[in-house]
Amino acid sequence: MGASADVYQVSGVQQNLGPEPWRASAMVDFNPSEFSRIRFQYTYDMSSRTGQVNNEVLAQFLFTIGAHSAHTF
């Protein structure tokens, strides 16, 4: 049985996982300043045994505050 087969053996038990599981993801990253970053990610996931589609959305905001070497406070 290969990796692209519809039937797999897990712990000696034969299981049918349906069509080949796969996942696709895309990310957009934006740096409005040198101190911040905004990131959005979308994932289309068909790795469920039932073939159910899972849509995932991630939003992330990173920022830096405080003194740094360019300025003395």
Protein backbone atom coordinates (compact mmCIF):
# COMPACT_ATOMS: atom_id res chain seq x y z
CA MET A 1 0.00 0.00 0.00
CA GLY A 2 1.41 3.33 -1.05
CA ALA A 3 0.94 6.81 0.31
CA SER A 4 -1.65 7.59 -2.37
CA ALA A 5 -3.87 4.55 -1.65
CA ASP A 6 -7.45 4.93 -0.40
CA VAL A 7 -7.09 2.09 2.12
CA TYR A 8 -4.45 2.15 4.88
CA GLN A 9 -3.44 -0.14 7.71
CA VAL A 10 -3.10 1.53 11.12
CA SER A 11 -2.04 -0.73 14.03
CA GLY A 12 -2.91 -3.78 11.96
CA VAL A 13 -6.46 -2.56 11.23
CA GLN A 14 -7.39 -1.73 7.65
CA GLN A 15 -8.98 1.74 7.35
CA ASN A 16 -10.46 3.52 4.38
CA LEU A 17 -9.60 7.21 4.58
CA GLY A 18 -11.45 8.17 1.41
CA PRO A 19 -9.82 10.42 -1.17
CA GLU A 20 -6.24 11.58 -0.74
CA PRO A 21 -6.00 14.05 2.15
CA TRP A 22 -4.54 17.43 1.22
CA ARG A 23 -4.25 20.99 2.48
CA ALA A 24 -3.54 24.36 0.83
CA SER A 25 -2.59 27.58 2.62
CA ALA A 26 -1.94 31.20 1.63
CA MET A 27 -0.55 34.04 3.73
CA VAL A 28 -0.36 37.82 3.28
CA ASP A 29 2.11 39.81 5.38
CA PHE A 30 2.13 43.63 5.69
CA ASN A 31 4.66 45.79 7.56
CA PRO A 32 3.09 49.26 8.09
CA SER A 33 6.17 50.39 10.05
CA GLU A 34 9.45 49.00 11.34
CA PHE A 35 7.75 48.30 14.68
CA SER A 36 4.66 46.38 13.55
CA ARG A 37 3.50 43.58 11.27
CA ILE A 38 0.01 42.45 10.25
CA ARG A 39 -0.46 38.92 8.94
CA PHE A 40 -3.49 37.11 7.51
CA GLN A 41 -3.55 33.41 6.65
CA TYR A 42 -6.21 31.20 5.05
CA THR A 43 -6.09 27.38 4.99
CA TYR A 44 -8.32 25.03 2.99
CA ASP A 45 -8.04 21.62 4.63
CA MET A 46 -9.44 18.35 3.25
CA SER A 47 -7.46 15.96 5.47
CA SER A 48 -10.48 14.77 7.47
CA ARG A 49 -11.36 11.08 7.24
CA THR A 50 -14.94 12.02 6.38
CA GLY A 51 -13.87 14.28 3.50
CA GLN A 52 -15.33 17.31 5.28
CA VAL A 53 -13.71 20.62 4.33
CA ASN A 54 -12.21 22.72 7.13
CA ASN A 55 -11.71 26.44 6.39
CA GLU A 56 -9.29 28.20 8.77
CA VAL A 57 -8.58 31.94 9.01
CA LEU A 58 -5.78 33.42 11.11
CA ALA A 59 -5.22 37.12 11.81
CA GLN A 60 -2.08 38.19 13.66
CA PHE A 61 -0.78 41.59 14.78
CA LEU A 62 2.82 41.85 16.03
CA PHE A 63 4.28 45.02 17.50
CA THR A 64 7.35 46.19 19.37
CA ILE A 65 7.31 48.79 22.12
CA GLY A 66 9.93 50.26 24.41
CA ALA A 67 13.42 51.64 24.11
CA HIS A 68 15.68 50.46 21.33
CA SER A 69 19.14 51.33 20.08
CA ALA A 70 18.01 54.06 17.65
CA HIS A 71 16.66 56.30 20.45
CA THR A 72 17.60 56.87 24.07
CA PHE A 73 14.74 57.40 26.48
